[in-house]
């Protein structure tokens, strides 16, 4: 997706999104890890 999470969280979210698709729920990842610098820009 171009978005990052820690290893365990990433694998868990992939499983969640896959399960949602099987239940006909088209969920997508909008945002994940953000660096300190990115958060400065967003908050400002």
ModelCIF file with pLDDT and N, C-alpha, C, O atoms, coordinates in Angstrom:
data_MODEL
#
_entry.id   MODEL 
#
_entity.id                         1 
_entity.type                       polymer 
_entity.pdbx_number_of_molecules   1 
#
_entity_poly.entity_id                      1 
_entity_poly.type                           'polypeptide(L)' 
_entity_poly.nstd_linkage                   no 
_entity_poly.nstd_monomer                   no 
_entity_poly.pdbx_seq_one_letter_code       
;(UNK)(UNK)(UNK)(UNK)(UNK)(UNK)(UNK)(UNK)(UNK)(UNK)(UNK)(UNK)(UNK)(UNK)(UNK)(UNK)
(UNK)(UNK)(UNK)(UNK)(UNK)(UNK)(UNK)(UNK)(UNK)(UNK)(UNK)(UNK)(UNK)(UNK)(UNK)(UNK)
(UNK)(UNK)(UNK)(UNK)(UNK)(UNK)(UNK)(UNK)(UNK)(UNK)(UNK)(UNK)
;
_entity_poly.pdbx_seq_one_letter_code_can   XXXXXXXXXXXXXXXXXXXXXXXXXXXXXXXXXXXXXXXXXXXX 
_entity_poly.pdbx_strand_id                 A 
#
loop_
_entity_poly_seq.entity_id 
_entity_poly_seq.num 
_entity_poly_seq.mon_id 
_entity_poly_seq.hetero 
1 1  UNK n 
1 2  UNK n 
1 3  UNK n 
1 4  UNK n 
1 5  UNK n 
1 6  UNK n 
1 7  UNK n 
1 8  UNK n 
1 9  UNK n 
1 10 UNK n 
1 11 UNK n 
1 12 UNK n 
1 13 UNK n 
1 14 UNK n 
1 15 UNK n 
1 16 UNK n 
1 17 UNK n 
1 18 UNK n 
1 19 UNK n 
1 20 UNK n 
1 21 UNK n 
1 22 UNK n 
1 23 UNK n 
1 24 UNK n 
1 25 UNK n 
1 26 UNK n 
1 27 UNK n 
1 28 UNK n 
1 29 UNK n 
1 30 UNK n 
1 31 UNK n 
1 32 UNK n 
1 33 UNK n 
1 34 UNK n 
1 35 UNK n 
1 36 UNK n 
1 37 UNK n 
1 38 UNK n 
1 39 UNK n 
1 40 UNK n 
1 41 UNK n 
1 42 UNK n 
1 43 UNK n 
1 44 UNK n 
#
_struct_asym.id          A 
_struct_asym.entity_id   1 
#
loop_
_ma_qa_metric.id 
_ma_qa_metric.mode 
_ma_qa_metric.name 
_ma_qa_metric.software_group_id 
_ma_qa_metric.type 
1 global pLDDT . pLDDT 
2 local  pLDDT . pLDDT 
#
_ma_qa_metric_global.metric_id      1 
_ma_qa_metric_global.metric_value   97.30 
_ma_qa_metric_global.model_id       1 
_ma_qa_metric_global.ordinal_id     1 
#
loop_
_ma_qa_metric_local.label_asym_id 
_ma_qa_metric_local.label_comp_id 
_ma_qa_metric_local.label_seq_id 
_ma_qa_metric_local.metric_id 
_ma_qa_metric_local.metric_value 
_ma_qa_metric_local.model_id 
_ma_qa_metric_local.ordinal_id 
A UNK 1  2 96.00 1 1  
A UNK 2  2 96.00 1 2  
A UNK 3  2 98.00 1 3  
A UNK 4  2 98.00 1 4  
A UNK 5  2 98.00 1 5  
A UNK 6  2 98.00 1 6  
A UNK 7  2 98.00 1 7  
A UNK 8  2 98.00 1 8  
A UNK 9  2 98.00 1 9  
A UNK 10 2 98.00 1 10 
A UNK 11 2 98.00 1 11 
A UNK 12 2 98.00 1 12 
A UNK 13 2 98.00 1 13 
A UNK 14 2 98.00 1 14 
A UNK 15 2 98.00 1 15 
A UNK 16 2 98.00 1 16 
A UNK 17 2 98.00 1 17 
A UNK 18 2 98.00 1 18 
A UNK 19 2 98.00 1 19 
A UNK 20 2 98.00 1 20 
A UNK 21 2 97.00 1 21 
A UNK 22 2 98.00 1 22 
A UNK 23 2 97.00 1 23 
A UNK 24 2 97.00 1 24 
A UNK 25 2 97.00 1 25 
A UNK 26 2 95.00 1 26 
A UNK 27 2 98.00 1 27 
A UNK 28 2 98.00 1 28 
A UNK 29 2 98.00 1 29 
A UNK 30 2 98.00 1 30 
A UNK 31 2 97.00 1 31 
A UNK 32 2 98.00 1 32 
A UNK 33 2 98.00 1 33 
A UNK 34 2 97.00 1 34 
A UNK 35 2 97.00 1 35 
A UNK 36 2 97.00 1 36 
A UNK 37 2 97.00 1 37 
A UNK 38 2 96.00 1 38 
A UNK 39 2 96.00 1 39 
A UNK 40 2 96.00 1 40 
A UNK 41 2 96.00 1 41 
A UNK 42 2 95.00 1 42 
A UNK 43 2 96.00 1 43 
A UNK 44 2 96.00 1 44 
#
loop_
_atom_site.group_PDB 
_atom_site.id 
_atom_site.type_symbol 
_atom_site.label_atom_id 
_atom_site.label_alt_id 
_atom_site.label_comp_id 
_atom_site.label_asym_id 
_atom_site.label_entity_id 
_atom_site.label_seq_id 
_atom_site.pdbx_PDB_ins_code 
_atom_site.Cartn_x 
_atom_site.Cartn_y 
_atom_site.Cartn_z 
_atom_site.occupancy 
_atom_site.B_iso_or_equiv 
_atom_site.pdbx_formal_charge 
_atom_site.auth_seq_id 
_atom_site.auth_comp_id 
_atom_site.auth_asym_id 
_atom_site.auth_atom_id 
_atom_site.pdbx_PDB_model_num 
ATOM 1   N N  . UNK A 1 1  ? 0.808   -1.222  0.000  1.00 96.00 ? 1  UNK A N  1 
ATOM 2   C CA . UNK A 1 1  ? 0.000   0.000   0.000  1.00 96.00 ? 1  UNK A CA 1 
ATOM 3   C C  . UNK A 1 1  ? 0.839   1.269   0.000  1.00 96.00 ? 1  UNK A C  1 
ATOM 4   O O  . UNK A 1 1  ? 0.335   2.360   -0.267 1.00 96.00 ? 1  UNK A O  1 
ATOM 5   N N  . UNK A 1 2  ? 2.131   1.115   0.303  1.00 96.00 ? 2  UNK A N  1 
ATOM 6   C CA . UNK A 1 2  ? 2.970   2.294   0.467  1.00 96.00 ? 2  UNK A CA 1 
ATOM 7   C C  . UNK A 1 2  ? 2.947   2.823   1.891  1.00 96.00 ? 2  UNK A C  1 
ATOM 8   O O  . UNK A 1 2  ? 3.681   3.754   2.223  1.00 96.00 ? 2  UNK A O  1 
ATOM 9   N N  . UNK A 1 3  ? 2.100   2.229   2.739  1.00 98.00 ? 3  UNK A N  1 
ATOM 10  C CA . UNK A 1 3  ? 2.027   2.600   4.154  1.00 98.00 ? 3  UNK A CA 1 
ATOM 11  C C  . UNK A 1 3  ? 2.714   1.518   4.983  1.00 98.00 ? 3  UNK A C  1 
ATOM 12  O O  . UNK A 1 3  ? 2.665   0.335   4.645  1.00 98.00 ? 3  UNK A O  1 
ATOM 13  N N  . UNK A 1 4  ? 3.354   1.940   6.070  1.00 98.00 ? 4  UNK A N  1 
ATOM 14  C CA . UNK A 1 4  ? 4.106   1.006   6.904  1.00 98.00 ? 4  UNK A CA 1 
ATOM 15  C C  . UNK A 1 4  ? 3.520   0.889   8.308  1.00 98.00 ? 4  UNK A C  1 
ATOM 16  O O  . UNK A 1 4  ? 2.960   1.839   8.855  1.00 98.00 ? 4  UNK A O  1 
ATOM 17  N N  . UNK A 1 5  ? 3.669   -0.302  8.866  1.00 98.00 ? 5  UNK A N  1 
ATOM 18  C CA . UNK A 1 5  ? 3.391   -0.570  10.273 1.00 98.00 ? 5  UNK A CA 1 
ATOM 19  C C  . UNK A 1 5  ? 4.485   -1.496  10.781 1.00 98.00 ? 5  UNK A C  1 
ATOM 20  O O  . UNK A 1 5  ? 5.268   -2.041  10.003 1.00 98.00 ? 5  UNK A O  1 
ATOM 21  N N  . UNK A 1 6  ? 4.528   -1.663  12.084 1.00 98.00 ? 6  UNK A N  1 
ATOM 22  C CA . UNK A 1 6  ? 5.462   -2.637  12.627 1.00 98.00 ? 6  UNK A CA 1 
ATOM 23  C C  . UNK A 1 6  ? 5.076   -4.033  12.155 1.00 98.00 ? 6  UNK A C  1 
ATOM 24  O O  . UNK A 1 6  ? 3.922   -4.279  11.804 1.00 98.00 ? 6  UNK A O  1 
ATOM 25  N N  . UNK A 1 7  ? 6.029   -4.932  12.147 1.00 98.00 ? 7  UNK A N  1 
ATOM 26  C CA . UNK A 1 7  ? 5.874   -6.240  11.515 1.00 98.00 ? 7  UNK A CA 1 
ATOM 27  C C  . UNK A 1 7  ? 4.593   -6.967  11.926 1.00 98.00 ? 7  UNK A C  1 
ATOM 28  O O  . UNK A 1 7  ? 3.811   -7.362  11.062 1.00 98.00 ? 7  UNK A O  1 
ATOM 29  N N  . UNK A 1 8  ? 4.366   -7.149  13.227 1.00 98.00 ? 8  UNK A N  1 
ATOM 30  C CA . UNK A 1 8  ? 3.196   -7.890  13.689 1.00 98.00 ? 8  UNK A CA 1 
ATOM 31  C C  . UNK A 1 8  ? 1.896   -7.161  13.346 1.00 98.00 ? 8  UNK A C  1 
ATOM 32  O O  . UNK A 1 8  ? 0.917   -7.784  12.936 1.00 98.00 ? 8  UNK A O  1 
ATOM 33  N N  . UNK A 1 9  ? 1.896   -5.848  13.516 1.00 98.00 ? 9  UNK A N  1 
ATOM 34  C CA . UNK A 1 9  ? 0.701   -5.064  13.213 1.00 98.00 ? 9  UNK A CA 1 
ATOM 35  C C  . UNK A 1 9  ? 0.398   -5.092  11.724 1.00 98.00 ? 9  UNK A C  1 
ATOM 36  O O  . UNK A 1 9  ? -0.764  -5.141  11.321 1.00 98.00 ? 9  UNK A O  1 
ATOM 37  N N  . UNK A 1 10 ? 1.446   -5.060  10.905 1.00 98.00 ? 10 UNK A N  1 
ATOM 38  C CA . UNK A 1 10 ? 1.272   -5.103  9.458  1.00 98.00 ? 10 UNK A CA 1 
ATOM 39  C C  . UNK A 1 10 ? 0.624   -6.407  9.018  1.00 98.00 ? 10 UNK A C  1 
ATOM 40  O O  . UNK A 1 10 ? -0.330  -6.404  8.239  1.00 98.00 ? 10 UNK A O  1 
ATOM 41  N N  . UNK A 1 11 ? 1.148   -7.528  9.523  1.00 98.00 ? 11 UNK A N  1 
ATOM 42  C CA . UNK A 1 11 ? 0.592   -8.836  9.164  1.00 98.00 ? 11 UNK A CA 1 
ATOM 43  C C  . UNK A 1 11 ? -0.858  -8.958  9.636  1.00 98.00 ? 11 UNK A C  1 
ATOM 44  O O  . UNK A 1 11 ? -1.702  -9.503  8.925  1.00 98.00 ? 11 UNK A O  1 
ATOM 45  N N  . UNK A 1 12 ? -1.141  -8.450  10.834 1.00 98.00 ? 12 UNK A N  1 
ATOM 46  C CA . UNK A 1 12 ? -2.500  -8.519  11.374 1.00 98.00 ? 12 UNK A CA 1 
ATOM 47  C C  . UNK A 1 12 ? -3.467  -7.684  10.540 1.00 98.00 ? 12 UNK A C  1 
ATOM 48  O O  . UNK A 1 12 ? -4.599  -8.102  10.297 1.00 98.00 ? 12 UNK A O  1 
ATOM 49  N N  . UNK A 1 13 ? -3.029  -6.515  10.105 1.00 98.00 ? 13 UNK A N  1 
ATOM 50  C CA . UNK A 1 13 ? -3.911  -5.657  9.312  1.00 98.00 ? 13 UNK A CA 1 
ATOM 51  C C  . UNK A 1 13 ? -4.164  -6.250  7.928  1.00 98.00 ? 13 UNK A C  1 
ATOM 52  O O  . UNK A 1 13 ? -5.264  -6.126  7.388  1.00 98.00 ? 13 UNK A O  1 
ATOM 53  N N  . UNK A 1 14 ? -3.166  -6.883  7.364  1.00 98.00 ? 14 UNK A N  1 
ATOM 54  C CA . UNK A 1 14 ? -3.367  -7.564  6.077  1.00 98.00 ? 14 UNK A CA 1 
ATOM 55  C C  . UNK A 1 14 ? -4.431  -8.646  6.207  1.00 98.00 ? 14 UNK A C  1 
ATOM 56  O O  . UNK A 1 14 ? -5.270  -8.807  5.321  1.00 98.00 ? 14 UNK A O  1 
ATOM 57  N N  . UNK A 1 15 ? -4.396  -9.389  7.313  1.00 98.00 ? 15 UNK A N  1 
ATOM 58  C CA . UNK A 1 15 ? -5.394  -10.427 7.552  1.00 98.00 ? 15 UNK A CA 1 
ATOM 59  C C  . UNK A 1 15 ? -6.781  -9.818  7.740  1.00 98.00 ? 15 UNK A C  1 
ATOM 60  O O  . UNK A 1 15 ? -7.774  -10.352 7.245  1.00 98.00 ? 15 UNK A O  1 
ATOM 61  N N  . UNK A 1 16 ? -6.843  -8.696  8.460  1.00 98.00 ? 16 UNK A N  1 
ATOM 62  C CA . UNK A 1 16 ? -8.121  -8.021  8.682  1.00 98.00 ? 16 UNK A CA 1 
ATOM 63  C C  . UNK A 1 16 ? -8.731  -7.548  7.365  1.00 98.00 ? 16 UNK A C  1 
ATOM 64  O O  . UNK A 1 16 ? -9.916  -7.768  7.116  1.00 98.00 ? 16 UNK A O  1 
ATOM 65  N N  . UNK A 1 17 ? -7.939  -6.911  6.535  1.00 98.00 ? 17 UNK A N  1 
ATOM 66  C CA . UNK A 1 17 ? -8.446  -6.405  5.253  1.00 98.00 ? 17 UNK A CA 1 
ATOM 67  C C  . UNK A 1 17 ? -8.894  -7.543  4.345  1.00 98.00 ? 17 UNK A C  1 
ATOM 68  O O  . UNK A 1 17 ? -9.884  -7.417  3.624  1.00 98.00 ? 17 UNK A O  1 
ATOM 69  N N  . UNK A 1 18 ? -8.161  -8.659  4.383  1.00 98.00 ? 18 UNK A N  1 
ATOM 70  C CA . UNK A 1 18 ? -8.529  -9.822  3.587  1.00 98.00 ? 18 UNK A CA 1 
ATOM 71  C C  . UNK A 1 18 ? -9.860  -10.401 4.059  1.00 98.00 ? 18 UNK A C  1 
ATOM 72  O O  . UNK A 1 18 ? -10.705 -10.765 3.241  1.00 98.00 ? 18 UNK A O  1 
ATOM 73  N N  . UNK A 1 19 ? -10.048 -10.488 5.379  1.00 98.00 ? 19 UNK A N  1 
ATOM 74  C CA . UNK A 1 19 ? -11.297 -11.004 5.932  1.00 98.00 ? 19 UNK A CA 1 
ATOM 75  C C  . UNK A 1 19 ? -12.468 -10.088 5.584  1.00 98.00 ? 19 UNK A C  1 
ATOM 76  O O  . UNK A 1 19 ? -13.573 -10.557 5.311  1.00 98.00 ? 19 UNK A O  1 
ATOM 77  N N  . UNK A 1 20 ? -12.217 -8.782  5.596  1.00 98.00 ? 20 UNK A N  1 
ATOM 78  C CA . UNK A 1 20 ? -13.275 -7.825  5.241  1.00 98.00 ? 20 UNK A CA 1 
ATOM 79  C C  . UNK A 1 20 ? -13.718 -8.023  3.794  1.00 98.00 ? 20 UNK A C  1 
ATOM 80  O O  . UNK A 1 20 ? -14.910 -7.968  3.491  1.00 98.00 ? 20 UNK A O  1 
ATOM 81  N N  . UNK A 1 21 ? -12.760 -8.251  2.908  1.00 97.00 ? 21 UNK A N  1 
ATOM 82  C CA . UNK A 1 21 ? -13.101 -8.480  1.497  1.00 97.00 ? 21 UNK A CA 1 
ATOM 83  C C  . UNK A 1 21 ? -13.953 -9.731  1.332  1.00 97.00 ? 21 UNK A C  1 
ATOM 84  O O  . UNK A 1 21 ? -14.890 -9.749  0.535  1.00 97.00 ? 21 UNK A O  1 
ATOM 85  N N  . UNK A 1 22 ? -13.625 -10.777 2.086  1.00 98.00 ? 22 UNK A N  1 
ATOM 86  C CA . UNK A 1 22 ? -14.413 -12.008 2.009  1.00 98.00 ? 22 UNK A CA 1 
ATOM 87  C C  . UNK A 1 22 ? -15.847 -11.787 2.476  1.00 98.00 ? 22 UNK A C  1 
ATOM 88  O O  . UNK A 1 22 ? -16.767 -12.489 2.056  1.00 98.00 ? 22 UNK A O  1 
ATOM 89  N N  . UNK A 1 23 ? -16.023 -10.785 3.367  1.00 97.00 ? 23 UNK A N  1 
ATOM 90  C CA . UNK A 1 23 ? -17.367 -10.444 3.850  1.00 97.00 ? 23 UNK A CA 1 
ATOM 91  C C  . UNK A 1 23 ? -17.988 -9.302  3.039  1.00 97.00 ? 23 UNK A C  1 
ATOM 92  O O  . UNK A 1 23 ? -18.953 -8.668  3.465  1.00 97.00 ? 23 UNK A O  1 
ATOM 93  N N  . UNK A 1 24 ? -17.402 -9.058  1.852  1.00 97.00 ? 24 UNK A N  1 
ATOM 94  C CA . UNK A 1 24 ? -17.917 -8.019  0.936  1.00 97.00 ? 24 UNK A CA 1 
ATOM 95  C C  . UNK A 1 24 ? -17.853 -6.628  1.529  1.00 97.00 ? 24 UNK A C  1 
ATOM 96  O O  . UNK A 1 24 ? -18.717 -5.795  1.256  1.00 97.00 ? 24 UNK A O  1 
ATOM 97  N N  . UNK A 1 25 ? -16.824 -6.363  2.348  1.00 97.00 ? 25 UNK A N  1 
ATOM 98  C CA . UNK A 1 25 ? -16.600 -5.028  2.900  1.00 97.00 ? 25 UNK A CA 1 
ATOM 99  C C  . UNK A 1 25 ? -15.273 -4.516  2.332  1.00 97.00 ? 25 UNK A C  1 
ATOM 100 O O  . UNK A 1 25 ? -14.204 -5.024  2.671  1.00 97.00 ? 25 UNK A O  1 
ATOM 101 N N  . UNK A 1 26 ? -15.355 -3.528  1.487  1.00 95.00 ? 26 UNK A N  1 
ATOM 102 C CA . UNK A 1 26 ? -14.169 -3.035  0.794  1.00 95.00 ? 26 UNK A CA 1 
ATOM 103 C C  . UNK A 1 26 ? -13.476 -1.953  1.618  1.00 95.00 ? 26 UNK A C  1 
ATOM 104 O O  . UNK A 1 26 ? -13.642 -0.758  1.374  1.00 95.00 ? 26 UNK A O  1 
ATOM 105 N N  . UNK A 1 27 ? -12.695 -2.404  2.601  1.00 98.00 ? 27 UNK A N  1 
ATOM 106 C CA . UNK A 1 27 ? -11.949 -1.477  3.454  1.00 98.00 ? 27 UNK A CA 1 
ATOM 107 C C  . UNK A 1 27 ? -10.556 -1.235  2.880  1.00 98.00 ? 27 UNK A C  1 
ATOM 108 O O  . UNK A 1 27 ? -9.947  -2.123  2.284  1.00 98.00 ? 27 UNK A O  1 
ATOM 109 N N  . UNK A 1 28 ? -10.071 -0.018  3.072  1.00 98.00 ? 28 UNK A N  1 
ATOM 110 C CA . UNK A 1 28 ? -8.734  0.329   2.578  1.00 98.00 ? 28 UNK A CA 1 
ATOM 111 C C  . UNK A 1 28 ? -7.952  1.041   3.676  1.00 98.00 ? 28 UNK A C  1 
ATOM 112 O O  . UNK A 1 28 ? -8.530  1.637   4.584  1.00 98.00 ? 28 UNK A O  1 
ATOM 113 N N  . UNK A 1 29 ? -6.648  0.967   3.576  1.00 98.00 ? 29 UNK A N  1 
ATOM 114 C CA . UNK A 1 29 ? -5.757  1.638   4.529  1.00 98.00 ? 29 UNK A CA 1 
ATOM 115 C C  . UNK A 1 29 ? -5.482  3.052   4.040  1.00 98.00 ? 29 UNK A C  1 
ATOM 116 O O  . UNK A 1 29 ? -4.986  3.248   2.930  1.00 98.00 ? 29 UNK A O  1 
ATOM 117 N N  . UNK A 1 30 ? -5.803  4.032   4.868  1.00 98.00 ? 30 UNK A N  1 
ATOM 118 C CA . UNK A 1 30 ? -5.619  5.436   4.500  1.00 98.00 ? 30 UNK A CA 1 
ATOM 119 C C  . UNK A 1 30 ? -4.323  6.018   5.051  1.00 98.00 ? 30 UNK A C  1 
ATOM 120 O O  . UNK A 1 30 ? -3.692  6.857   4.408  1.00 98.00 ? 30 UNK A O  1 
ATOM 121 N N  . UNK A 1 31 ? -3.930  5.575   6.227  1.00 97.00 ? 31 UNK A N  1 
ATOM 122 C CA . UNK A 1 31 ? -2.728  6.121   6.867  1.00 97.00 ? 31 UNK A CA 1 
ATOM 123 C C  . UNK A 1 31 ? -2.223  5.137   7.899  1.00 97.00 ? 31 UNK A C  1 
ATOM 124 O O  . UNK A 1 31 ? -3.008  4.396   8.492  1.00 97.00 ? 31 UNK A O  1 
ATOM 125 N N  . UNK A 1 32 ? -0.914  5.123   8.120  1.00 98.00 ? 32 UNK A N  1 
ATOM 126 C CA . UNK A 1 32 ? -0.329  4.202   9.097  1.00 98.00 ? 32 UNK A CA 1 
ATOM 127 C C  . UNK A 1 32 ? 0.805   4.920   9.844  1.00 98.00 ? 32 UNK A C  1 
ATOM 128 O O  . UNK A 1 32 ? 0.569   5.946   10.482 1.00 98.00 ? 32 UNK A O  1 
ATOM 129 N N  . UNK A 1 33 ? 2.020   4.393   9.768  1.00 98.00 ? 33 UNK A N  1 
ATOM 130 C CA . UNK A 1 33 ? 3.141   5.031   10.474 1.00 98.00 ? 33 UNK A CA 1 
ATOM 131 C C  . UNK A 1 33 ? 3.378   6.439   9.940  1.00 98.00 ? 33 UNK A C  1 
ATOM 132 O O  . UNK A 1 33 ? 3.346   6.679   8.733  1.00 98.00 ? 33 UNK A O  1 
ATOM 133 N N  . UNK A 1 34 ? 3.613   7.354   10.859 1.00 97.00 ? 34 UNK A N  1 
ATOM 134 C CA . UNK A 1 34 ? 4.012   8.712   10.493 1.00 97.00 ? 34 UNK A CA 1 
ATOM 135 C C  . UNK A 1 34 ? 5.259   9.094   11.283 1.00 97.00 ? 34 UNK A C  1 
ATOM 136 O O  . UNK A 1 34 ? 5.340   8.837   12.484 1.00 97.00 ? 34 UNK A O  1 
ATOM 137 N N  . UNK A 1 35 ? 6.193   9.685   10.635 1.00 97.00 ? 35 UNK A N  1 
ATOM 138 C CA . UNK A 1 35 ? 7.400   10.145  11.306 1.00 97.00 ? 35 UNK A CA 1 
ATOM 139 C C  . UNK A 1 35 ? 7.099   11.405  12.116 1.00 97.00 ? 35 UNK A C  1 
ATOM 140 O O  . UNK A 1 35 ? 6.049   12.025  11.950 1.00 97.00 ? 35 UNK A O  1 
ATOM 141 N N  . UNK A 1 36 ? 8.016   11.768  12.977 1.00 97.00 ? 36 UNK A N  1 
ATOM 142 C CA . UNK A 1 36 ? 7.878   12.999  13.762 1.00 97.00 ? 36 UNK A CA 1 
ATOM 143 C C  . UNK A 1 36 ? 7.746   14.203  12.837 1.00 97.00 ? 36 UNK A C  1 
ATOM 144 O O  . UNK A 1 36 ? 6.917   15.084  13.062 1.00 97.00 ? 36 UNK A O  1 
ATOM 145 N N  . UNK A 1 37 ? 8.570   14.229  11.799 1.00 97.00 ? 37 UNK A N  1 
ATOM 146 C CA . UNK A 1 37 ? 8.557   15.357  10.867 1.00 97.00 ? 37 UNK A CA 1 
ATOM 147 C C  . UNK A 1 37 ? 7.216   15.459  10.143 1.00 97.00 ? 37 UNK A C  1 
ATOM 148 O O  . UNK A 1 37 ? 6.699   16.557  9.934  1.00 97.00 ? 37 UNK A O  1 
ATOM 149 N N  . UNK A 1 38 ? 6.656   14.308  9.760  1.00 96.00 ? 38 UNK A N  1 
ATOM 150 C CA . UNK A 1 38 ? 5.360   14.320  9.080  1.00 96.00 ? 38 UNK A CA 1 
ATOM 151 C C  . UNK A 1 38 ? 4.266   14.816  10.006 1.00 96.00 ? 38 UNK A C  1 
ATOM 152 O O  . UNK A 1 38 ? 3.362   15.531  9.572  1.00 96.00 ? 38 UNK A O  1 
ATOM 153 N N  . UNK A 1 39 ? 4.337   14.444  11.285 1.00 96.00 ? 39 UNK A N  1 
ATOM 154 C CA . UNK A 1 39 ? 3.333   14.889  12.242 1.00 96.00 ? 39 UNK A CA 1 
ATOM 155 C C  . UNK A 1 39 ? 3.433   16.386  12.488 1.00 96.00 ? 39 UNK A C  1 
ATOM 156 O O  . UNK A 1 39 ? 2.416   17.048  12.697 1.00 96.00 ? 39 UNK A O  1 
ATOM 157 N N  . UNK A 1 40 ? 4.640   16.925  12.467 1.00 96.00 ? 40 UNK A N  1 
ATOM 158 C CA . UNK A 1 40 ? 4.826   18.383  12.597 1.00 96.00 ? 40 UNK A CA 1 
ATOM 159 C C  . UNK A 1 40 ? 4.073   19.091  11.483 1.00 96.00 ? 40 UNK A C  1 
ATOM 160 O O  . UNK A 1 40 ? 3.348   20.054  11.730 1.00 96.00 ? 40 UNK A O  1 
ATOM 161 N N  . UNK A 1 41 ? 4.246   18.612  10.256 1.00 96.00 ? 41 UNK A N  1 
ATOM 162 C CA . UNK A 1 41 ? 3.605   19.227  9.105  1.00 96.00 ? 41 UNK A CA 1 
ATOM 163 C C  . UNK A 1 41 ? 2.081   19.153  9.197  1.00 96.00 ? 41 UNK A C  1 
ATOM 164 O O  . UNK A 1 41 ? 1.392   20.139  8.937  1.00 96.00 ? 41 UNK A O  1 
ATOM 165 N N  . UNK A 1 42 ? 1.556   17.976  9.571  1.00 95.00 ? 42 UNK A N  1 
ATOM 166 C CA . UNK A 1 42 ? 0.106   17.806  9.672  1.00 95.00 ? 42 UNK A CA 1 
ATOM 167 C C  . UNK A 1 42 ? -0.496  18.681  10.766 1.00 95.00 ? 42 UNK A C  1 
ATOM 168 O O  . UNK A 1 42 ? -1.503  19.355  10.547 1.00 95.00 ? 42 UNK A O  1 
ATOM 169 N N  . UNK A 1 43 ? 0.125   18.666  11.947 1.00 96.00 ? 43 UNK A N  1 
ATOM 170 C CA . UNK A 1 43 ? -0.424  19.410  13.078 1.00 96.00 ? 43 UNK A CA 1 
ATOM 171 C C  . UNK A 1 43 ? -0.400  20.915  12.814 1.00 96.00 ? 43 UNK A C  1 
ATOM 172 O O  . UNK A 1 43 ? -1.351  21.625  13.139 1.00 96.00 ? 43 UNK A O  1 
ATOM 173 N N  . UNK A 1 44 ? 0.672   21.384  12.235 1.00 96.00 ? 44 UNK A N  1 
ATOM 174 C CA . UNK A 1 44 ? 0.741   22.816  11.912 1.00 96.00 ? 44 UNK A CA 1 
ATOM 175 C C  . UNK A 1 44 ? -0.316  23.200  10.886 1.00 96.00 ? 44 UNK A C  1 
ATOM 176 O O  . UNK A 1 44 ? -0.405  24.364  10.498 1.00 96.00 ? 44 UNK A O  1 
#
